[in-house]
Amino acid sequence: MDVFILNPLFILVSSFVSFYILKISNSEIYFINEEVKIKHPPVISYTKYIETATWKHYKPPLTTEIEDSRRKGSKFQNVLLVIYYTILIISIFCSVNLLQIRLNNIFYLESSIKTIFSQPGSIFNQAIPGIETIHTKRKAASFVITSLASLDATWYNDKPISKDGSRWGKDGFSKSGGSTLVVMYFMENPAGEYTSKEFINFFRHNPCGYLSENSQLTEDVEVHGVTLKYSVISSRKIEGRSGEIYPLAGHTEVL
């Protein structure tokens, strides 16, 4: 009974009220009942978006403008490189000058050692000062430099590698001198003690000799009429500032 009478009557009344009294359209009913799905716009490129957003004001850069921009960036990078290398060179010169002024003893010591091992003949003919005459830093430096030069200029390995036995054909790698074969010891300020008193405890033979009791000796070398004894092999070890232990085996010990 309800299906044939009440339902059709309800539909007619609701339709009359909706369409004739409230003036509701079909689309509004669909929106109320079905919740219309909003469609998203299609994805576009950045260039298309800029062109659409700016409209008449949009203008792509010309090829010449792009080249000018690249050229300006390249010039800026070159200027930065020039400034960087200029500061680097100035820093190097300032560091060298600072070493010469503040740490001149270390600077000139390194420079002298480089000269000794590269051109020992230029210092070889200088007289080695006696150890009893050393009372100043300058005299001590002269003693070390001339002793190293004499050693490096005269002591060649006794094992020739050439058939005629010439000194130029001998084993130069086993030569006593060299930047990789020398261990340098820097002692603290003697605090008023004479330098000769500090040196005398390390040498038995004037001007150079043993550094420790367990040093293994080689054949004697005579320089300027003085018999020299050097240690080229040592079993001792030294502790670095970082705490690591470095073996001294195979090094020439020079004070």
C-alpha atoms as a PDB file:
ATOM      1  CA  MET A   1       0.000   0.000   0.000  1.00  0.00           C
ATOM      2  CA  ASP A   2       2.844   2.389   0.902  1.00  0.00           C
ATOM      3  CA  VAL A   3       4.714   1.595  -2.300  1.00  0.00           C
ATOM      4  CA  PHE A   4       1.834   2.410  -4.572  1.00  0.00           C
ATOM      5  CA  ILE A   5       0.354   5.410  -2.711  1.00  0.00           C
ATOM      6  CA  LEU A   6       2.668   7.096  -0.171  1.00  0.00           C
ATOM      7  CA  ASN A   7       5.996   6.873  -2.022  1.00  0.00           C
ATOM      8  CA  PRO A   8       4.764   8.353  -5.302  1.00  0.00           C
ATOM      9  CA  LEU A   9       2.939  11.034  -3.324  1.00  0.00           C
ATOM     10  CA  PHE A  10       6.147  11.914  -1.417  1.00  0.00           C
ATOM     11  CA  ILE A  11       8.121  12.106  -4.651  1.00  0.00           C
ATOM     12  CA  LEU A  12       5.590  14.448  -6.245  1.00  0.00           C
ATOM     13  CA  VAL A  13       5.447  16.748  -3.209  1.00  0.00           C
ATOM     14  CA  SER A  14       9.259  16.926  -2.819  1.00  0.00           C
ATOM     15  CA  SER A  15       9.722  17.576  -6.543  1.00  0.00           C
ATOM     16  CA  PHE A  16       7.092  20.346  -6.510  1.00  0.00           C
ATOM     17  CA  VAL A  17       8.745  22.037  -3.532  1.00  0.00           C
ATOM     18  CA  SER A  18      12.270  21.703  -4.971  1.00  0.00           C
ATOM     19  CA  PHE A  19      11.671  22.795  -8.567  1.00  0.00           C
ATOM     20  CA  TYR A  20       8.786  25.242  -8.288  1.00  0.00           C
ATOM     21  CA  ILE A  21       9.144  26.756  -4.836  1.00  0.00           C
ATOM     22  CA  LEU A  22      12.932  26.572  -4.082  1.00  0.00           C
ATOM     23  CA  LYS A  23      13.951  26.764  -7.782  1.00  0.00           C
ATOM     24  CA  ILE A  24      16.677  24.107  -7.393  1.00  0.00           C
ATOM     25  CA  SER A  25      18.358  22.858 -10.611  1.00  0.00           C
ATOM     26  CA  ASN A  26      19.491  19.335 -11.421  1.00  0.00           C
ATOM     27  CA  SER A  27      23.222  20.217 -11.036  1.00  0.00           C
ATOM     28  CA  GLU A  28      22.667  21.543  -7.527  1.00  0.00           C
ATOM     29  CA  ILE A  29      20.913  18.374  -6.526  1.00  0.00           C
ATOM     30  CA  TYR A  30      23.829  16.363  -7.922  1.00  0.00           C
ATOM     31  CA  PHE A  31      26.252  18.515  -5.928  1.00  0.00           C
ATOM     32  CA  ILE A  32      24.289  17.992  -2.732  1.00  0.00           C
ATOM     33  CA  ASN A  33      23.912  14.246  -3.181  1.00  0.00           C
ATOM     34  CA  GLU A  34      27.127  13.167  -4.966  1.00  0.00           C
ATOM     35  CA  GLU A  35      29.717  15.821  -3.944  1.00  0.00           C
ATOM     36  CA  VAL A  36      31.110  16.801  -7.317  1.00  0.00           C
ATOM     37  CA  LYS A  37      34.779  15.835  -7.741  1.00  0.00           C
ATOM     38  CA  ILE A  38      37.059  18.785  -8.517  1.00  0.00           C
ATOM     39  CA  LYS A  39      39.381  18.055 -11.438  1.00  0.00           C
ATOM     40  CA  HIS A  40      43.006  19.197 -11.054  1.00  0.00           C
ATOM     41  CA  PRO A  41      44.565  21.102 -13.939  1.00  0.00           C
ATOM     42  CA  PRO A  42      47.127  19.209 -16.052  1.00  0.00           C
ATOM     43  CA  VAL A  43      50.819  19.476 -15.179  1.00  0.00           C
ATOM     44  CA  ILE A  44      52.711  22.028 -17.269  1.00  0.00           C
ATOM     45  CA  SER A  45      56.413  22.935 -17.555  1.00  0.00           C
ATOM     46  CA  TYR A  46      58.049  25.824 -15.714  1.00  0.00           C
ATOM     47  CA  THR A  47      58.550  27.679 -18.969  1.00  0.00           C
ATOM     48  CA  LYS A  48      54.867  27.328 -19.876  1.00  0.00           C
ATOM     49  CA  TYR A  49      53.849  28.425 -16.375  1.00  0.00           C
ATOM     50  CA  ILE A  50      56.042  31.545 -16.518  1.00  0.00           C
ATOM     51  CA  GLU A  51      54.723  32.351 -19.984  1.00  0.00           C
ATOM     52  CA  THR A  52      51.124  31.928 -18.806  1.00  0.00           C
ATOM     53  CA  ALA A  53      51.626  33.866 -15.565  1.00  0.00           C
ATOM     54  CA  THR A  54      53.509  36.818 -17.035  1.00  0.00           C
ATOM     55  CA  TRP A  55      51.557  36.865 -20.301  1.00  0.00           C
ATOM     56  CA  LYS A  56      52.762  39.824 -22.399  1.00  0.00           C
ATOM     57  CA  HIS A  57      55.798  40.477 -20.172  1.00  0.00           C
ATOM     58  CA  TYR A  58      57.306  37.041 -20.849  1.00  0.00           C
ATOM     59  CA  LYS A  59      60.426  37.113 -23.014  1.00  0.00           C
ATOM     60  CA  PRO A  60      62.998  34.292 -23.217  1.00  0.00           C
ATOM     61  CA  PRO A  61      66.693  35.377 -23.001  1.00  0.00           C
ATOM     62  CA  LEU A  62      68.539  35.715 -26.259  1.00  0.00           C
ATOM     63  CA  THR A  63      71.618  33.661 -27.118  1.00  0.00           C
ATOM     64  CA  THR A  64      73.828  36.737 -26.815  1.00  0.00           C
ATOM     65  CA  GLU A  65      72.438  37.451 -23.345  1.00  0.00           C
ATOM     66  CA  ILE A  66      73.154  33.874 -22.265  1.00  0.00           C
ATOM     67  CA  GLU A  67      76.737  34.114 -23.575  1.00  0.00           C
ATOM     68  CA  ASP A  68      77.257  37.451 -21.800  1.00  0.00           C
ATOM     69  CA  SER A  69      76.027  35.937 -18.541  1.00  0.00           C
ATOM     70  CA  ARG A  70      78.415  32.991 -18.889  1.00  0.00           C
ATOM     71  CA  ARG A  71      81.295  35.307 -19.774  1.00  0.00           C
ATOM     72  CA  LYS A  72      80.655  37.457 -16.699  1.00  0.00           C
ATOM     73  CA  GLY A  73      80.610  34.349 -14.484  1.00  0.00           C
ATOM     74  CA  SER A  74      83.887  33.157 -15.995  1.00  0.00           C
ATOM     75  CA  LYS A  75      85.522  36.556 -15.432  1.00  0.00           C
ATOM     76  CA  PHE A  76      84.357  36.547 -11.815  1.00  0.00           C
ATOM     77  CA  GLN A  77      85.889  33.099 -11.251  1.00  0.00           C
ATOM     78  CA  ASN A  78      89.172  34.225 -12.816  1.00  0.00           C
ATOM     79  CA  VAL A  79      89.247  37.277 -10.549  1.00  0.00           C
ATOM     80  CA  LEU A  80      88.696  35.037  -7.515  1.00  0.00           C
ATOM     81  CA  LEU A  81      91.550  32.747  -8.624  1.00  0.00           C
ATOM     82  CA  VAL A  82      93.890  35.715  -9.092  1.00  0.00           C
ATOM     83  CA  ILE A  83      92.995  37.040  -5.630  1.00  0.00           C
ATOM     84  CA  TYR A  84      93.477  33.579  -4.092  1.00  0.00           C
ATOM     85  CA  TYR A  85      96.912  32.986  -5.628  1.00  0.00           C
ATOM     86  CA  THR A  86      97.992  36.542  -4.808  1.00  0.00           C
ATOM     87  CA  ILE A  87      97.083  36.031  -1.145  1.00  0.00           C
ATOM     88  CA  LEU A  88      98.828  32.639  -1.201  1.00  0.00           C
ATOM     89  CA  ILE A  89     102.080  34.079  -2.597  1.00  0.00           C
ATOM     90  CA  ILE A  90     101.991  36.986  -0.133  1.00  0.00           C
ATOM     91  CA  SER A  91     101.421  34.508   2.719  1.00  0.00           C
ATOM     92  CA  ILE A  92     104.432  32.448   1.632  1.00  0.00           C
ATOM     93  CA  PHE A  93     106.698  35.503   1.526  1.00  0.00           C
ATOM     94  CA  CYS A  94     105.385  36.704   4.889  1.00  0.00           C
ATOM     95  CA  SER A  95     105.978  33.249   6.395  1.00  0.00           C
ATOM     96  CA  VAL A  96     109.549  33.144   5.085  1.00  0.00           C
ATOM     97  CA  ASN A  97     110.241  36.652   6.397  1.00  0.00           C
ATOM     98  CA  LEU A  98     108.717  35.726   9.755  1.00  0.00           C
ATOM     99  CA  LEU A  99     110.953  32.656   9.955  1.00  0.00           C
ATOM    100  CA  GLN A 100     113.986  34.763   9.109  1.00  0.00           C
ATOM    101  CA  ILE A 101     113.109  37.298  11.821  1.00  0.00           C
ATOM    102  CA  ARG A 102     111.585  35.242  14.646  1.00  0.00           C
ATOM    103  CA  LEU A 103     112.987  31.736  14.025  1.00  0.00           C
ATOM    104  CA  ASN A 104     116.167  32.582  12.169  1.00  0.00           C
ATOM    105  CA  ASN A 105     118.168  29.770  13.769  1.00  0.00           C
ATOM    106  CA  ILE A 106     115.801  27.068  12.463  1.00  0.00           C
ATOM    107  CA  PHE A 107     115.400  28.752   9.059  1.00  0.00           C
ATOM    108  CA  TYR A 108     119.111  29.118   8.391  1.00  0.00           C
ATOM    109  CA  LEU A 109     119.809  25.657   9.820  1.00  0.00           C
ATOM    110  CA  GLU A 110     117.429  24.045   7.324  1.00  0.00           C
ATOM    111  CA  SER A 111     118.882  26.166   4.517  1.00  0.00           C
ATOM    112  CA  SER A 112     122.442  25.212   5.472  1.00  0.00           C
ATOM    113  CA  ILE A 113     121.641  21.498   5.654  1.00  0.00           C
ATOM    114  CA  LYS A 114     120.097  21.670   2.184  1.00  0.00           C
ATOM    115  CA  THR A 115     123.304  23.281   0.889  1.00  0.00           C
ATOM    116  CA  ILE A 116     125.423  20.634   2.624  1.00  0.00           C
ATOM    117  CA  PHE A 117     123.704  17.701   0.957  1.00  0.00           C
ATOM    118  CA  SER A 118     123.367  19.380  -2.454  1.00  0.00           C
ATOM    119  CA  GLN A 119     126.796  21.081  -2.708  1.00  0.00           C
ATOM    120  CA  PRO A 120     129.084  19.712   0.013  1.00  0.00           C
ATOM    121  CA  GLY A 121     132.207  20.675  -1.935  1.00  0.00           C
ATOM    122  CA  SER A 122     131.541  24.389  -1.403  1.00  0.00           C
ATOM    123  CA  ILE A 123     131.919  23.949   2.385  1.00  0.00           C
ATOM    124  CA  PHE A 124     134.374  21.046   2.430  1.00  0.00           C
ATOM    125  CA  ASN A 125     137.492  23.221   2.316  1.00  0.00           C
ATOM    126  CA  GLN A 126     136.461  25.233   5.370  1.00  0.00           C
ATOM    127  CA  ALA A 127     138.350  24.402   8.558  1.00  0.00           C
ATOM    128  CA  ILE A 128     136.384  22.487  11.173  1.00  0.00           C
ATOM    129  CA  PRO A 129     136.489  24.386  14.495  1.00  0.00           C
ATOM    130  CA  GLY A 130     137.738  22.476  17.501  1.00  0.00           C
ATOM    131  CA  ILE A 131     135.122  21.427  19.990  1.00  0.00           C
ATOM    132  CA  GLU A 132     136.933  23.244  22.786  1.00  0.00           C
ATOM    133  CA  THR A 133     136.416  26.540  20.907  1.00  0.00           C
ATOM    134  CA  ILE A 134     132.622  26.294  20.721  1.00  0.00           C
ATOM    135  CA  HIS A 135     131.007  28.820  23.055  1.00  0.00           C
ATOM    136  CA  THR A 136     128.342  30.459  20.857  1.00  0.00           C
ATOM    137  CA  LYS A 137     125.436  29.363  18.681  1.00  0.00           C
ATOM    138  CA  ARG A 138     127.165  30.677  15.562  1.00  0.00           C
ATOM    139  CA  LYS A 139     130.294  28.647  16.348  1.00  0.00           C
ATOM    140  CA  ALA A 140     128.193  25.544  17.054  1.00  0.00           C
ATOM    141  CA  ALA A 141     126.344  25.956  13.755  1.00  0.00           C
ATOM    142  CA  SER A 142     129.665  26.269  11.906  1.00  0.00           C
ATOM    143  CA  PHE A 143     130.896  23.114  13.661  1.00  0.00           C
ATOM    144  CA  VAL A 144     127.842  21.071  12.620  1.00  0.00           C
ATOM    145  CA  ILE A 145     127.764  22.382   9.049  1.00  0.00           C
ATOM    146  CA  THR A 146     131.459  21.842   8.304  1.00  0.00           C
ATOM    147  CA  SER A 147     131.431  18.394   9.917  1.00  0.00           C
ATOM    148  CA  LEU A 148     128.443  17.276   7.854  1.00  0.00           C
ATOM    149  CA  ALA A 149     129.944  18.722   4.675  1.00  0.00           C
ATOM    150  CA  SER A 150     133.239  16.922   5.278  1.00  0.00           C
ATOM    151  CA  LEU A 151     131.447  13.653   5.905  1.00  0.00           C
ATOM    152  CA  ASP A 152     129.174  13.986   2.882  1.00  0.00           C
ATOM    153  CA  ALA A 153     131.979  15.038   0.540  1.00  0.00           C
ATOM    154  CA  THR A 154     134.545  12.328   1.417  1.00  0.00           C
ATOM    155  CA  TRP A 155     132.787   9.200   2.647  1.00  0.00           C
ATOM    156  CA  TYR A 156     131.634   7.020  -0.223  1.00  0.00           C
ATOM    157  CA  ASN A 157     130.516   3.435   0.136  1.00  0.00           C
ATOM    158  CA  ASP A 158     133.360   0.932  -0.173  1.00  0.00           C
ATOM    159  CA  LYS A 159     131.436  -1.338  -2.544  1.00  0.00           C
ATOM    160  CA  PRO A 160     132.108  -0.231  -6.131  1.00  0.00           C
ATOM    161  CA  ILE A 161     129.498  -1.152  -8.709  1.00  0.00           C
ATOM    162  CA  SER A 162     131.627  -0.304 -11.757  1.00  0.00           C
ATOM    163  CA  LYS A 163     134.293  -2.520 -13.309  1.00  0.00           C
ATOM    164  CA  ASP A 164     137.077   0.075 -13.115  1.00  0.00           C
ATOM    165  CA  GLY A 165     136.310   0.868  -9.454  1.00  0.00           C
ATOM    166  CA  SER A 166     135.898   4.615  -9.985  1.00  0.00           C
ATOM    167  CA  ARG A 167     134.300   6.573  -7.162  1.00  0.00           C
ATOM    168  CA  TRP A 168     131.470   7.731  -9.422  1.00  0.00           C
ATOM    169  CA  GLY A 169     130.523   4.104  -9.918  1.00  0.00           C
ATOM    170  CA  LYS A 170     130.146   3.318  -6.239  1.00  0.00           C
ATOM    171  CA  ASP A 171     126.945   2.732  -4.347  1.00  0.00           C
ATOM    172  CA  GLY A 172     125.747   6.293  -3.738  1.00  0.00           C
ATOM    173  CA  PHE A 173     122.512   5.209  -2.094  1.00  0.00           C
ATOM    174  CA  SER A 174     124.418   3.850   0.884  1.00  0.00           C
ATOM    175  CA  LYS A 175     126.338   7.083   1.265  1.00  0.00           C
ATOM    176  CA  SER A 176     126.445   8.356   4.826  1.00  0.00           C
ATOM    177  CA  GLY A 177     124.783  11.701   4.120  1.00  0.00           C
ATOM    178  CA  GLY A 178     121.316  12.418   2.816  1.00  0.00           C
ATOM    179  CA  SER A 179     118.028  13.902   3.939  1.00  0.00           C
ATOM    180  CA  THR A 180     116.579  10.435   4.606  1.00  0.00           C
ATOM    181  CA  LEU A 181     119.614   9.138   6.503  1.00  0.00           C
ATOM    182  CA  VAL A 182     120.137  11.855   9.094  1.00  0.00           C
ATOM    183  CA  VAL A 183     118.332  12.203  12.408  1.00  0.00           C
ATOM    184  CA  MET A 184     118.723  15.654  13.967  1.00  0.00           C
ATOM    185  CA  TYR A 185     118.587  16.252  17.719  1.00  0.00           C
ATOM    186  CA  PHE A 186     117.528  19.711  18.948  1.00  0.00           C
ATOM    187  CA  MET A 187     118.549  20.370  22.547  1.00  0.00           C
ATOM    188  CA  GLU A 188     116.936  22.935  24.803  1.00  0.00           C
ATOM    189  CA  ASN A 189     118.535  26.202  25.890  1.00  0.00           C
ATOM    190  CA  PRO A 190     121.641  25.271  27.945  1.00  0.00           C
ATOM    191  CA  ALA A 191     120.704  28.048  30.424  1.00  0.00           C
ATOM    192  CA  GLY A 192     124.134  29.627  30.740  1.00  0.00           C
ATOM    193  CA  GLU A 193     126.180  26.452  30.276  1.00  0.00           C
ATOM    194  CA  TYR A 194     128.896  26.589  27.657  1.00  0.00           C
ATOM    195  CA  THR A 195     127.993  24.877  24.408  1.00  0.00           C
ATOM    196  CA  SER A 196     131.247  22.942  24.514  1.00  0.00           C
ATOM    197  CA  LYS A 197     130.220  21.385  27.832  1.00  0.00           C
ATOM    198  CA  GLU A 198     126.969  20.223  26.256  1.00  0.00           C
ATOM    199  CA  PHE A 199     128.756  18.752  23.239  1.00  0.00           C
ATOM    200  CA  ILE A 200     131.613  17.077  25.091  1.00  0.00           C
ATOM    201  CA  ASN A 201     129.351  14.424  26.643  1.00  0.00           C
ATOM    202  CA  PHE A 202     128.420  13.077  23.226  1.00  0.00           C
ATOM    203  CA  PHE A 203     131.834  12.796  21.581  1.00  0.00           C
ATOM    204  CA  ARG A 204     134.932  10.765  22.390  1.00  0.00           C
ATOM    205  CA  HIS A 205     136.915  11.774  19.326  1.00  0.00           C
ATOM    206  CA  ASN A 206     137.430  15.316  18.129  1.00  0.00           C
ATOM    207  CA  PRO A 207     135.482  16.584  16.294  1.00  0.00           C
ATOM    208  CA  CYS A 208     132.938  13.750  15.939  1.00  0.00           C
ATOM    209  CA  GLY A 209     132.516  10.299  17.387  1.00  0.00           C
ATOM    210  CA  TYR A 210     130.183   7.888  19.110  1.00  0.00           C
ATOM    211  CA  LEU A 211     126.742   8.901  20.303  1.00  0.00           C
ATOM    212  CA  SER A 212     125.987   5.841  22.433  1.00  0.00           C
ATOM    213  CA  GLU A 213     127.696   2.755  23.827  1.00  0.00           C
ATOM    214  CA  ASN A 214     125.808   0.301  21.604  1.00  0.00           C
ATOM    215  CA  SER A 215     126.531   2.111  18.334  1.00  0.00           C
ATOM    216  CA  GLN A 216     127.828  -0.180  15.627  1.00  0.00           C
ATOM    217  CA  LEU A 217     130.954   1.258  14.023  1.00  0.00           C
ATOM    218  CA  THR A 218     132.172   1.373  10.443  1.00  0.00           C
ATOM    219  CA  GLU A 219     135.636   1.867   9.055  1.00  0.00           C
ATOM    220  CA  ASP A 220     137.414   5.021  10.163  1.00  0.00           C
ATOM    221  CA  VAL A 221     137.263   8.023   7.872  1.00  0.00           C
ATOM    222  CA  GLU A 222     140.023  10.621   7.872  1.00  0.00           C
ATOM    223  CA  VAL A 223     139.119  14.244   7.111  1.00  0.00           C
ATOM    224  CA  HIS A 224     141.733  17.013   7.248  1.00  0.00           C
ATOM    225  CA  GLY A 225     144.047  14.679   9.129  1.00  0.00           C
ATOM    226  CA  VAL A 226     141.430  13.906  11.798  1.00  0.00           C
ATOM    227  CA  THR A 227     140.135  10.359  12.245  1.00  0.00           C
ATOM    228  CA  LEU A 228     136.333  10.356  12.354  1.00  0.00           C
ATOM    229  CA  LYS A 229     134.143   7.570  13.731  1.00  0.00           C
ATOM    230  CA  TYR A 230     130.462   7.546  12.821  1.00  0.00           C
ATOM    231  CA  SER A 231     127.497   5.383  13.735  1.00  0.00           C
ATOM    232  CA  VAL A 232     125.485   4.378  10.693  1.00  0.00           C
ATOM    233  CA  ILE A 233     123.415   1.596  12.292  1.00  0.00           C
ATOM    234  CA  SER A 234     121.627   1.968  15.606  1.00  0.00           C
ATOM    235  CA  SER A 235     119.198  -0.258  17.499  1.00  0.00           C
ATOM    236  CA  ARG A 236     117.895   2.614  19.614  1.00  0.00           C
ATOM    237  CA  LYS A 237     114.443   4.166  19.318  1.00  0.00           C
ATOM    238  CA  ILE A 238     113.142   7.702  19.724  1.00  0.00           C
ATOM    239  CA  GLU A 239     109.722   8.891  20.887  1.00  0.00           C
ATOM    240  CA  GLY A 240     108.035  11.596  18.815  1.00  0.00           C
ATOM    241  CA  ARG A 241     105.782  14.386  20.030  1.00  0.00           C
ATOM    242  CA  SER A 242     102.688  12.370  19.125  1.00  0.00           C
ATOM    243  CA  GLY A 243     103.858   9.534  21.365  1.00  0.00           C
ATOM    244  CA  GLU A 244     104.822   7.202  18.520  1.00  0.00           C
ATOM    245  CA  ILE A 245     108.072   5.263  18.739  1.00  0.00           C
ATOM    246  CA  TYR A 246     110.365   5.598  15.724  1.00  0.00           C
ATOM    247  CA  PRO A 247     113.267   3.161  15.202  1.00  0.00           C
ATOM    248  CA  LEU A 248     116.639   4.699  14.367  1.00  0.00           C
ATOM    249  CA  ALA A 249     117.981   1.599  12.621  1.00  0.00           C
ATOM    250  CA  GLY A 250     119.783   2.471   9.406  1.00  0.00           C
ATOM    251  CA  HIS A 251     120.128   6.178  10.189  1.00  0.00           C
ATOM    252  CA  THR A 252     123.260   8.230  10.608  1.00  0.00           C
ATOM    253  CA  GLU A 253     123.091   9.930  13.977  1.00  0.00           C
ATOM    254  CA  VAL A 254     124.382  13.493  13.900  1.00  0.00           C
ATOM    255  CA  LEU A 255     124.205  15.907  16.809  1.00  0.00           C
END
